[in-house]
Each structure stands twice: as structure tokens, then as C-alpha cells.
């Protein structure tokens, strides 16, 4: 009977020793570290969209016989912060040489011009000095640039609906 008690006590002491070894402080507490390199690249990027330039009604007989018809549209550009860009406006689908023209769909044309300034003195084109340079983007937020248009006075055209399509390009 005492032998069984001794074996039971010995087993219990052995179990406690195993638990103490498993949950107690380790005699070999070592660590190692390494640096993880993290990186990304950000490329310059821009998007461009437009809001139409609608001149409205042109009256060649009275109102616009001596006065120009002015209108405005918008070019909207969003670029990566700090990106420099230029914005160009093509001559349109109906140009004759360097003259921008709207057509009524037949052989009738209404001439117009696009400018980058409200005084309508700087023609907005698609190359060289005619490109608009808005400077570096202060943020990724879209910026609106007004397109100033003018249909010159005293054009002798028949009644109709005149249209053109101009390609806007952002270079970055």
C-alpha cells in the first residue's frame, strides 16, 4: 500500500516538473531580426475631359453683323502631384488650313477661334507656343481651364445648326 502511494506521489511530482519546464522561463531565450524593404513607384499620369463650348445663336443680319459672338467651354485636367503638362487643342474636324470652322453638315461653314485668355488674344493650338502650360499640378485634384471661343462677326451663312469636334490633348 505504501508502494502505490509512493508511485502516485512520484508521478505527480514528475507531472509538475514537466509543466514547470513547459511554462517556465526558457534557459535559451534568443531572438533574431531582419529588415523588410518596402517600396513603390509613382509615375506621372494625367487625365483630360471637357465641357462643351456652346456659342448659342449667331445672327448674321443684325446682332452679329458687327459684333462677335463669344462663348466659353472647359478643359478639365487631373495630374499626379508635381507633374508638369501642356494642354493642346486641335484645329477641329472641319478646319481649312489653320482656320477652325463649324459645318452645318453640307458645304456651309461658320469660322471660329479658340483662345487661352479672356481677352481672346492668344490662340490655343496643339503645338509649340500655342500649347497651354498650366504649370506643375499642386495636387491630384482636377483643374478646370476655360476655353474662350469667338465666332467672328459679319459672316454670311445660311440658317442651320453648325458643329465641330476639337480634340483636347494633355502632354505630360
N, C-alpha and C. Protein backbone atom coordinates (compact mmCIF):
# COMPACT_ATOMS: atom_id res chain seq x y z
N UNK A 1 0.80 -1.17 0.00
CA UNK A 1 0.00 0.00 0.00
C UNK A 1 0.86 1.25 0.00
N UNK A 2 1.91 1.26 0.76
CA UNK A 2 2.78 2.42 0.74
C UNK A 2 3.52 2.55 -0.59
N UNK A 3 3.76 1.46 -1.22
CA UNK A 3 4.46 1.50 -2.51
C UNK A 3 3.60 2.18 -3.56
N UNK A 4 2.30 1.91 -3.54
CA UNK A 4 1.41 2.56 -4.52
C UNK A 4 1.31 4.06 -4.27
N UNK A 5 1.30 4.44 -3.00
CA UNK A 5 1.26 5.87 -2.69
C UNK A 5 2.54 6.55 -3.16
N UNK A 6 3.66 5.86 -2.99
CA UNK A 6 4.93 6.43 -3.40
C UNK A 6 4.98 6.61 -4.92
N UNK A 7 4.48 5.65 -5.66
CA UNK A 7 4.45 5.73 -7.12
C UNK A 7 3.52 6.87 -7.53
N UNK A 8 2.39 7.04 -6.87
CA UNK A 8 1.45 8.11 -7.20
C UNK A 8 2.04 9.47 -6.92
N UNK A 9 2.74 9.62 -5.80
CA UNK A 9 3.37 10.89 -5.45
C UNK A 9 4.50 11.17 -6.43
N UNK A 10 5.24 10.20 -6.79
CA UNK A 10 6.35 10.38 -7.73
C UNK A 10 5.82 10.80 -9.11
N UNK A 11 4.71 10.21 -9.53
CA UNK A 11 4.12 10.57 -10.83
C UNK A 11 3.61 12.01 -10.80
N UNK A 12 3.03 12.42 -9.67
CA UNK A 12 2.52 13.78 -9.55
C UNK A 12 3.68 14.77 -9.55
N UNK A 13 4.75 14.50 -8.88
CA UNK A 13 5.91 15.38 -8.85
C UNK A 13 6.52 15.45 -10.25
N UNK A 14 6.56 14.36 -10.95
CA UNK A 14 7.09 14.33 -12.31
C UNK A 14 6.22 15.17 -13.24
N UNK A 15 4.90 15.11 -13.09
CA UNK A 15 3.98 15.90 -13.91
C UNK A 15 4.15 17.38 -13.66
N UNK A 16 4.33 17.74 -12.39
CA UNK A 16 4.52 19.16 -12.04
C UNK A 16 5.83 19.66 -12.64
N UNK A 17 6.84 18.86 -12.64
CA UNK A 17 8.14 19.24 -13.21
C UNK A 17 8.01 19.46 -14.72
N UNK A 18 7.24 18.62 -15.38
CA UNK A 18 7.04 18.77 -16.83
C UNK A 18 6.29 20.07 -17.11
N UNK A 19 5.25 20.36 -16.35
CA UNK A 19 4.50 21.62 -16.53
C UNK A 19 5.39 22.83 -16.26
N UNK A 20 6.20 22.77 -15.26
CA UNK A 20 7.09 23.88 -14.92
C UNK A 20 8.09 24.10 -16.05
N UNK A 21 8.57 23.04 -16.64
CA UNK A 21 9.52 23.16 -17.74
C UNK A 21 8.84 23.75 -18.98
N UNK A 22 7.59 23.36 -19.21
CA UNK A 22 6.88 23.83 -20.40
C UNK A 22 6.48 25.29 -20.29
N UNK A 23 6.07 25.72 -19.13
CA UNK A 23 5.58 27.09 -18.96
C UNK A 23 6.54 28.01 -18.24
N UNK A 24 7.61 27.55 -17.80
CA UNK A 24 8.58 28.36 -17.07
C UNK A 24 9.51 29.08 -18.02
N UNK A 25 10.40 29.90 -17.47
CA UNK A 25 11.35 30.64 -18.29
C UNK A 25 12.29 29.68 -19.00
N UNK A 26 12.63 30.05 -20.25
CA UNK A 26 13.49 29.21 -21.05
C UNK A 26 14.94 29.57 -20.77
N UNK A 27 15.75 28.60 -20.75
CA UNK A 27 17.17 28.83 -20.49
C UNK A 27 17.86 29.38 -21.74
N UNK A 28 17.29 29.16 -22.94
CA UNK A 28 17.92 29.65 -24.16
C UNK A 28 16.99 30.64 -24.86
N UNK A 29 16.82 31.85 -24.32
CA UNK A 29 15.93 32.89 -24.88
C UNK A 29 16.72 33.75 -25.86
N UNK A 30 16.75 33.40 -27.15
CA UNK A 30 17.47 34.15 -28.18
C UNK A 30 16.49 34.66 -29.23
N UNK A 31 16.80 35.79 -29.87
CA UNK A 31 15.97 36.32 -30.95
C UNK A 31 16.87 36.74 -32.10
N UNK A 32 16.26 36.89 -33.24
CA UNK A 32 16.97 37.39 -34.42
C UNK A 32 16.05 38.36 -35.13
N UNK A 33 16.61 39.35 -35.80
CA UNK A 33 15.81 40.34 -36.52
C UNK A 33 16.35 40.50 -37.94
N UNK A 34 15.49 41.00 -38.80
CA UNK A 34 15.88 41.33 -40.17
C UNK A 34 15.00 42.49 -40.64
N UNK A 35 15.52 43.29 -41.52
CA UNK A 35 14.76 44.42 -42.08
C UNK A 35 14.02 43.96 -43.33
N UNK A 36 12.78 44.40 -43.45
CA UNK A 36 11.96 44.13 -44.62
C UNK A 36 11.90 45.40 -45.46
N UNK A 37 12.47 45.38 -46.63
CA UNK A 37 12.43 46.55 -47.51
C UNK A 37 11.04 46.67 -48.13
N UNK A 38 10.49 47.88 -48.13
CA UNK A 38 9.17 48.14 -48.68
C UNK A 38 9.31 49.32 -49.65
N UNK A 39 8.75 49.20 -50.84
CA UNK A 39 8.88 50.28 -51.81
C UNK A 39 7.73 50.28 -52.80
N UNK A 40 7.57 51.40 -53.46
CA UNK A 40 6.57 51.56 -54.54
C UNK A 40 7.08 52.65 -55.46
N UNK A 41 6.61 52.64 -56.68
CA UNK A 41 6.96 53.72 -57.60
C UNK A 41 5.67 54.45 -58.01
N UNK A 42 5.78 55.74 -58.18
CA UNK A 42 4.66 56.56 -58.61
C UNK A 42 5.08 57.22 -59.92
N UNK A 43 4.33 56.96 -60.96
CA UNK A 43 4.63 57.53 -62.27
C UNK A 43 3.72 58.74 -62.51
N UNK A 44 4.21 59.68 -63.28
CA UNK A 44 3.37 60.80 -63.68
C UNK A 44 2.23 60.27 -64.55
N UNK A 45 1.05 60.78 -64.28
CA UNK A 45 -0.12 60.38 -65.05
C UNK A 45 -1.09 61.56 -65.08
N UNK A 46 -1.82 61.70 -66.16
CA UNK A 46 -2.82 62.76 -66.28
C UNK A 46 -4.07 62.21 -66.97
N UNK A 47 -5.20 62.82 -66.66
CA UNK A 47 -6.44 62.54 -67.39
C UNK A 47 -6.97 63.87 -67.91
N UNK A 48 -7.77 63.79 -68.96
CA UNK A 48 -8.33 65.01 -69.55
C UNK A 48 -9.78 64.75 -69.94
N UNK A 49 -10.62 65.74 -69.72
CA UNK A 49 -12.01 65.69 -70.17
C UNK A 49 -12.41 67.13 -70.52
N UNK A 50 -13.61 67.28 -71.07
CA UNK A 50 -14.04 68.61 -71.49
C UNK A 50 -15.50 68.85 -71.14
N UNK A 51 -15.85 70.11 -71.09
CA UNK A 51 -17.25 70.55 -71.02
C UNK A 51 -17.46 71.43 -72.25
N UNK A 52 -18.49 71.17 -73.00
CA UNK A 52 -18.71 71.78 -74.32
C UNK A 52 -18.71 73.31 -74.31
N UNK A 53 -18.28 73.83 -75.44
CA UNK A 53 -18.37 75.26 -75.72
C UNK A 53 -19.57 75.43 -76.64
N UNK A 54 -20.63 76.01 -76.11
CA UNK A 54 -21.85 76.23 -76.90
C UNK A 54 -22.00 77.72 -77.12
N UNK A 55 -21.82 78.17 -78.36
CA UNK A 55 -21.89 79.59 -78.66
C UNK A 55 -23.30 80.16 -78.56
N UNK A 56 -24.28 79.35 -78.83
CA UNK A 56 -25.64 79.87 -78.86
C UNK A 56 -26.00 80.33 -80.26
N UNK A 57 -26.93 81.26 -80.35
CA UNK A 57 -27.44 81.72 -81.66
C UNK A 57 -26.55 82.79 -82.27
N UNK A 58 -26.24 82.60 -83.54
CA UNK A 58 -25.48 83.57 -84.32
C UNK A 58 -26.45 84.24 -85.29
N UNK A 59 -26.57 85.55 -85.21
CA UNK A 59 -27.47 86.33 -86.08
C UNK A 59 -26.61 87.14 -87.05
N UNK A 60 -26.44 86.64 -88.29
CA UNK A 60 -25.56 87.34 -89.24
C UNK A 60 -26.15 88.63 -89.79
N UNK A 61 -27.44 88.85 -89.61
CA UNK A 61 -28.10 90.02 -90.20
C UNK A 61 -28.05 91.23 -89.28
N UNK A 62 -28.36 91.05 -87.99
CA UNK A 62 -28.45 92.19 -87.08
C UNK A 62 -27.35 92.14 -86.02
N UNK A 63 -27.55 91.28 -85.03
CA UNK A 63 -26.67 91.28 -83.84
C UNK A 63 -25.21 91.04 -84.18
N UNK A 64 -24.92 90.07 -85.01
CA UNK A 64 -23.53 89.70 -85.26
C UNK A 64 -23.02 90.18 -86.63
N UNK A 65 -23.75 91.11 -87.20
CA UNK A 65 -23.25 91.74 -88.42
C UNK A 65 -22.01 92.56 -88.11
N UNK A 66 -21.96 93.12 -86.90
CA UNK A 66 -20.81 93.94 -86.50
C UNK A 66 -20.19 93.50 -85.17
N UNK A 67 -20.83 92.57 -84.47
CA UNK A 67 -20.32 92.15 -83.16
C UNK A 67 -19.99 90.65 -83.18
N UNK A 68 -18.89 90.31 -82.55
CA UNK A 68 -18.50 88.90 -82.44
C UNK A 68 -19.44 88.16 -81.49
N UNK A 69 -19.52 86.85 -81.65
CA UNK A 69 -20.27 86.00 -80.71
C UNK A 69 -19.25 85.23 -79.90
N UNK A 70 -19.21 85.48 -78.58
CA UNK A 70 -18.25 84.82 -77.70
C UNK A 70 -18.92 83.74 -76.87
N UNK A 71 -18.14 82.75 -76.49
CA UNK A 71 -18.61 81.68 -75.62
C UNK A 71 -17.43 81.07 -74.88
N UNK A 72 -17.73 80.23 -73.91
CA UNK A 72 -16.66 79.55 -73.17
C UNK A 72 -16.99 78.07 -73.01
N UNK A 73 -15.94 77.29 -72.91
CA UNK A 73 -16.01 75.87 -72.60
C UNK A 73 -14.96 75.58 -71.56
N UNK A 74 -14.76 74.32 -71.25
CA UNK A 74 -13.80 73.98 -70.20
C UNK A 74 -13.03 72.72 -70.58
N UNK A 75 -11.74 72.75 -70.28
CA UNK A 75 -10.89 71.57 -70.34
C UNK A 75 -10.54 71.23 -68.90
N UNK A 76 -10.75 69.98 -68.51
CA UNK A 76 -10.51 69.54 -67.13
C UNK A 76 -9.35 68.56 -67.14
N UNK A 77 -8.30 68.89 -66.36
CA UNK A 77 -7.10 68.07 -66.33
C UNK A 77 -6.77 67.71 -64.88
N UNK A 78 -6.50 66.44 -64.65
CA UNK A 78 -6.02 65.97 -63.34
C UNK A 78 -4.71 65.23 -63.57
N UNK A 79 -3.68 65.62 -62.83
CA UNK A 79 -2.36 65.00 -62.97
C UNK A 79 -1.79 64.61 -61.60
N UNK A 80 -0.83 63.73 -61.65
CA UNK A 80 -0.08 63.37 -60.45
C UNK A 80 0.52 64.66 -59.86
N UNK A 81 0.49 64.78 -58.55
CA UNK A 81 1.04 65.97 -57.88
C UNK A 81 2.47 66.21 -58.35
N UNK A 82 2.73 67.46 -58.76
CA UNK A 82 4.07 67.85 -59.21
C UNK A 82 4.32 67.63 -60.69
N UNK A 83 3.44 66.91 -61.38
CA UNK A 83 3.63 66.65 -62.81
C UNK A 83 3.44 67.94 -63.60
N UNK A 84 4.32 68.18 -64.55
CA UNK A 84 4.16 69.31 -65.44
C UNK A 84 3.52 68.81 -66.73
N UNK A 85 2.69 69.64 -67.30
CA UNK A 85 1.97 69.23 -68.51
C UNK A 85 1.72 70.44 -69.40
N UNK A 86 1.34 70.15 -70.62
CA UNK A 86 0.82 71.15 -71.53
C UNK A 86 -0.49 70.62 -72.08
N UNK A 87 -1.37 71.53 -72.47
CA UNK A 87 -2.67 71.14 -72.99
C UNK A 87 -2.82 71.73 -74.38
N UNK A 88 -3.18 70.88 -75.32
CA UNK A 88 -3.36 71.33 -76.69
C UNK A 88 -4.78 71.15 -77.17
N UNK A 89 -5.20 72.03 -78.08
CA UNK A 89 -6.50 71.91 -78.74
C UNK A 89 -6.26 71.85 -80.24
N UNK A 90 -6.75 70.80 -80.87
CA UNK A 90 -6.60 70.62 -82.31
C UNK A 90 -7.40 71.66 -83.08
N UNK A 91 -7.25 71.61 -84.40
CA UNK A 91 -7.94 72.56 -85.27
C UNK A 91 -9.40 72.21 -85.49
N UNK A 92 -9.79 70.98 -85.18
CA UNK A 92 -11.18 70.58 -85.38
C UNK A 92 -11.33 69.75 -86.63
N UNK A 93 -12.50 69.16 -86.78
CA UNK A 93 -12.77 68.24 -87.88
C UNK A 93 -13.01 68.93 -89.22
N UNK A 94 -13.26 70.24 -89.21
CA UNK A 94 -13.65 70.94 -90.44
C UNK A 94 -12.71 72.08 -90.80
N UNK A 95 -11.50 72.06 -90.26
CA UNK A 95 -10.56 73.16 -90.49
C UNK A 95 -10.19 73.27 -91.97
N UNK A 96 -9.91 74.48 -92.35
CA UNK A 96 -9.37 74.76 -93.67
C UNK A 96 -8.04 75.46 -93.44
N UNK A 97 -6.94 74.73 -93.62
CA UNK A 97 -5.64 75.27 -93.25
C UNK A 97 -5.60 75.44 -91.74
N UNK A 98 -5.36 76.66 -91.29
CA UNK A 98 -5.32 76.92 -89.85
C UNK A 98 -6.60 77.58 -89.34
N UNK A 99 -7.63 77.63 -90.18
CA UNK A 99 -8.90 78.26 -89.80
C UNK A 99 -9.85 77.20 -89.26
N UNK A 100 -10.28 77.39 -88.03
CA UNK A 100 -11.27 76.48 -87.43
C UNK A 100 -12.65 76.82 -87.98
N UNK A 101 -13.41 75.77 -88.30
CA UNK A 101 -14.74 76.00 -88.87
C UNK A 101 -15.74 74.98 -88.36
N UNK A 102 -16.95 75.44 -88.11
CA UNK A 102 -18.08 74.55 -87.84
C UNK A 102 -18.82 74.36 -89.16
N UNK A 103 -19.47 73.23 -89.32
CA UNK A 103 -20.24 72.99 -90.54
C UNK A 103 -21.68 72.65 -90.17
N UNK A 104 -22.57 72.90 -91.13
CA UNK A 104 -23.97 72.53 -90.94
C UNK A 104 -24.24 71.13 -91.50
N UNK A 105 -23.17 70.44 -91.90
CA UNK A 105 -23.31 69.10 -92.46
C UNK A 105 -23.31 69.08 -93.96
N UNK A 106 -23.41 70.24 -94.57
CA UNK A 106 -23.31 70.31 -96.03
C UNK A 106 -22.04 71.11 -96.37
N UNK A 107 -22.11 72.01 -97.27
CA UNK A 107 -20.92 72.77 -97.66
C UNK A 107 -20.88 74.17 -97.05
N UNK A 108 -21.61 74.39 -95.96
CA UNK A 108 -21.63 75.70 -95.30
C UNK A 108 -20.79 75.66 -94.03
N UNK A 109 -20.01 76.72 -93.83
CA UNK A 109 -19.09 76.77 -92.69
C UNK A 109 -19.20 78.09 -91.95
N UNK A 110 -19.05 78.01 -90.63
CA UNK A 110 -19.04 79.18 -89.75
C UNK A 110 -17.69 79.16 -89.04
N UNK A 111 -16.85 80.15 -89.32
CA UNK A 111 -15.49 80.20 -88.75
C UNK A 111 -15.52 80.63 -87.29
N UNK A 112 -14.59 80.11 -86.53
CA UNK A 112 -14.46 80.46 -85.12
C UNK A 112 -13.01 80.29 -84.71
N UNK A 113 -12.68 80.74 -83.51
CA UNK A 113 -11.34 80.55 -82.96
C UNK A 113 -11.43 80.27 -81.48
N UNK A 114 -10.41 79.58 -80.95
CA UNK A 114 -10.31 79.24 -79.52
C UNK A 114 -9.08 79.91 -78.93
N UNK A 115 -9.25 80.42 -77.71
CA UNK A 115 -8.18 81.18 -77.06
C UNK A 115 -7.97 80.68 -75.62
N UNK A 116 -6.77 80.92 -75.13
CA UNK A 116 -6.46 80.53 -73.74
C UNK A 116 -6.60 81.69 -72.76
N UNK A 117 -6.93 82.87 -73.25
CA UNK A 117 -7.07 84.03 -72.37
C UNK A 117 -8.42 84.72 -72.62
N UNK A 118 -8.91 85.38 -71.58
CA UNK A 118 -10.23 86.02 -71.65
C UNK A 118 -10.25 87.19 -72.63
N UNK A 119 -9.11 87.79 -72.91
CA UNK A 119 -9.05 88.87 -73.89
C UNK A 119 -9.09 88.37 -75.32
N UNK A 120 -9.04 87.06 -75.46
CA UNK A 120 -9.09 86.40 -76.78
C UNK A 120 -8.01 86.93 -77.72
N UNK A 121 -6.78 86.92 -77.19
CA UNK A 121 -5.64 87.35 -78.00
C UNK A 121 -4.63 86.21 -78.24
N UNK A 122 -4.64 85.19 -77.37
CA UNK A 122 -3.69 84.08 -77.50
C UNK A 122 -4.42 82.83 -78.00
N UNK A 123 -4.20 82.50 -79.27
CA UNK A 123 -4.86 81.33 -79.87
C UNK A 123 -4.36 80.08 -79.17
N UNK A 124 -5.29 79.20 -78.85
CA UNK A 124 -4.97 77.94 -78.18
C UNK A 124 -4.87 76.86 -79.25
N UNK A 125 -3.66 76.39 -79.47
CA UNK A 125 -3.41 75.41 -80.51
C UNK A 125 -2.89 74.09 -79.96
N UNK A 126 -2.25 73.34 -80.84
CA UNK A 126 -1.85 71.98 -80.48
C UNK A 126 -0.34 71.75 -80.58
N UNK A 127 0.44 72.83 -80.73
CA UNK A 127 1.89 72.64 -80.80
C UNK A 127 2.60 73.94 -80.45
N UNK A 128 3.87 73.80 -80.10
CA UNK A 128 4.73 74.94 -79.83
C UNK A 128 4.17 75.92 -78.82
N UNK A 129 4.28 77.20 -79.16
CA UNK A 129 3.83 78.27 -78.28
C UNK A 129 2.32 78.37 -78.14
N UNK A 130 1.58 77.65 -78.98
CA UNK A 130 0.12 77.69 -78.90
C UNK A 130 -0.43 76.71 -77.85
N UNK A 131 0.44 75.86 -77.29
CA UNK A 131 0.02 74.96 -76.21
C UNK A 131 -0.20 75.77 -74.94
N UNK A 132 -1.14 75.34 -74.14
CA UNK A 132 -1.38 75.99 -72.85
C UNK A 132 -0.54 75.28 -71.81
N UNK A 133 0.19 76.05 -71.00
CA UNK A 133 1.06 75.49 -69.97
C UNK A 133 0.53 75.87 -68.59
N UNK A 134 -0.18 74.96 -67.92
CA UNK A 134 -0.76 75.30 -66.62
C UNK A 134 0.21 75.22 -65.45
N UNK A 135 1.44 74.80 -65.68
CA UNK A 135 2.41 74.66 -64.59
C UNK A 135 2.23 73.33 -63.88
N UNK A 136 3.08 73.10 -62.89
CA UNK A 136 3.05 71.83 -62.16
C UNK A 136 1.74 71.68 -61.37
N UNK A 137 1.23 70.46 -61.35
CA UNK A 137 -0.01 70.18 -60.63
C UNK A 137 0.23 70.31 -59.12
N UNK A 138 -0.53 71.15 -58.43
CA UNK A 138 -0.34 71.31 -56.99
C UNK A 138 -0.84 70.11 -56.20
N UNK A 139 -1.71 69.32 -56.79
CA UNK A 139 -2.25 68.10 -56.17
C UNK A 139 -2.87 67.26 -57.28
N UNK A 140 -3.42 66.13 -56.91
CA UNK A 140 -4.07 65.28 -57.91
C UNK A 140 -5.48 65.77 -58.27
N UNK A 141 -5.94 66.78 -57.58
CA UNK A 141 -7.28 67.32 -57.82
C UNK A 141 -7.38 67.90 -59.23
N UNK A 142 -8.48 67.62 -59.89
CA UNK A 142 -8.70 68.12 -61.25
C UNK A 142 -8.73 69.64 -61.27
N UNK A 143 -8.13 70.20 -62.32
CA UNK A 143 -8.14 71.65 -62.51
C UNK A 143 -8.93 71.97 -63.77
N UNK A 144 -9.72 73.03 -63.70
CA UNK A 144 -10.54 73.48 -64.84
C UNK A 144 -9.85 74.65 -65.53
N UNK A 145 -9.74 74.54 -66.85
CA UNK A 145 -9.15 75.61 -67.65
C UNK A 145 -10.19 76.07 -68.66
N UNK A 146 -10.48 77.35 -68.64
CA UNK A 146 -11.50 77.91 -69.53
C UNK A 146 -10.97 78.03 -70.95
N UNK A 147 -11.79 77.59 -71.88
CA UNK A 147 -11.51 77.78 -73.31
C UNK A 147 -12.41 78.94 -73.75
N UNK A 148 -11.79 80.00 -74.25
CA UNK A 148 -12.53 81.18 -74.70
C UNK A 148 -12.69 81.09 -76.22
N UNK A 149 -13.93 81.05 -76.65
CA UNK A 149 -14.21 80.93 -78.08
C UNK A 149 -14.80 82.19 -78.66
N UNK A 150 -14.61 82.35 -79.97
CA UNK A 150 -15.18 83.52 -80.65
C UNK A 150 -15.55 83.14 -82.09
N UNK A 151 -16.80 83.45 -82.43
CA UNK A 151 -17.26 83.39 -83.82
C UNK A 151 -17.18 84.83 -84.29
N UNK A 152 -16.37 85.08 -85.31
CA UNK A 152 -16.19 86.45 -85.77
C UNK A 152 -17.44 86.99 -86.45
N UNK A 153 -17.59 88.28 -86.37
CA UNK A 153 -18.77 88.96 -86.93
C UNK A 153 -18.75 88.97 -88.45
N UNK A 154 -19.90 89.31 -89.00
CA UNK A 154 -20.08 89.59 -90.41
C UNK A 154 -19.82 88.38 -91.33
N UNK A 155 -20.19 87.19 -90.86
CA UNK A 155 -20.09 86.00 -91.72
C UNK A 155 -21.45 85.80 -92.40
N UNK A 156 -21.43 85.53 -93.67
CA UNK A 156 -22.65 85.38 -94.46
C UNK A 156 -22.94 83.88 -94.62
N UNK A 157 -23.74 83.34 -93.70
CA UNK A 157 -24.03 81.90 -93.70
C UNK A 157 -25.54 81.67 -93.65
N UNK A 158 -25.99 80.55 -94.22
CA UNK A 158 -27.42 80.23 -94.15
C UNK A 158 -27.80 79.69 -92.77
N UNK A 159 -29.09 79.70 -92.49
CA UNK A 159 -29.59 79.16 -91.22
C UNK A 159 -29.26 77.67 -91.15
N UNK A 160 -29.04 77.20 -89.93
CA UNK A 160 -28.73 75.80 -89.72
C UNK A 160 -28.08 75.59 -88.37
N UNK A 161 -27.80 74.37 -88.06
CA UNK A 161 -27.12 74.01 -86.82
C UNK A 161 -25.68 73.67 -87.17
N UNK A 162 -24.73 74.46 -86.69
CA UNK A 162 -23.31 74.30 -87.03
C UNK A 162 -22.56 73.66 -85.86
N UNK A 163 -21.71 72.71 -86.19
CA UNK A 163 -20.96 71.97 -85.16
C UNK A 163 -19.55 71.65 -85.62
N UNK A 164 -18.71 71.37 -84.66
CA UNK A 164 -17.35 70.90 -84.93
C UNK A 164 -16.91 70.06 -83.73
N UNK A 165 -15.88 69.27 -83.93
CA UNK A 165 -15.29 68.49 -82.84
C UNK A 165 -13.81 68.78 -82.79
N UNK A 166 -13.33 69.23 -81.63
CA UNK A 166 -11.93 69.58 -81.41
C UNK A 166 -11.35 68.57 -80.42
N UNK A 167 -10.20 68.01 -80.75
CA UNK A 167 -9.54 67.06 -79.86
C UNK A 167 -8.68 67.84 -78.86
N UNK A 168 -8.91 67.57 -77.57
CA UNK A 168 -8.09 68.17 -76.49
C UNK A 168 -7.08 67.11 -76.05
N UNK A 169 -5.82 67.53 -75.91
CA UNK A 169 -4.74 66.60 -75.56
C UNK A 169 -3.93 67.15 -74.40
N UNK A 170 -3.63 66.28 -73.42
CA UNK A 170 -2.72 66.67 -72.35
C UNK A 170 -1.41 65.90 -72.57
N UNK A 171 -0.31 66.64 -72.57
CA UNK A 171 1.04 66.07 -72.73
C UNK A 171 1.74 66.16 -71.39
N UNK A 172 2.28 65.04 -70.92
CA UNK A 172 2.96 65.06 -69.61
C UNK A 172 4.18 64.18 -69.60
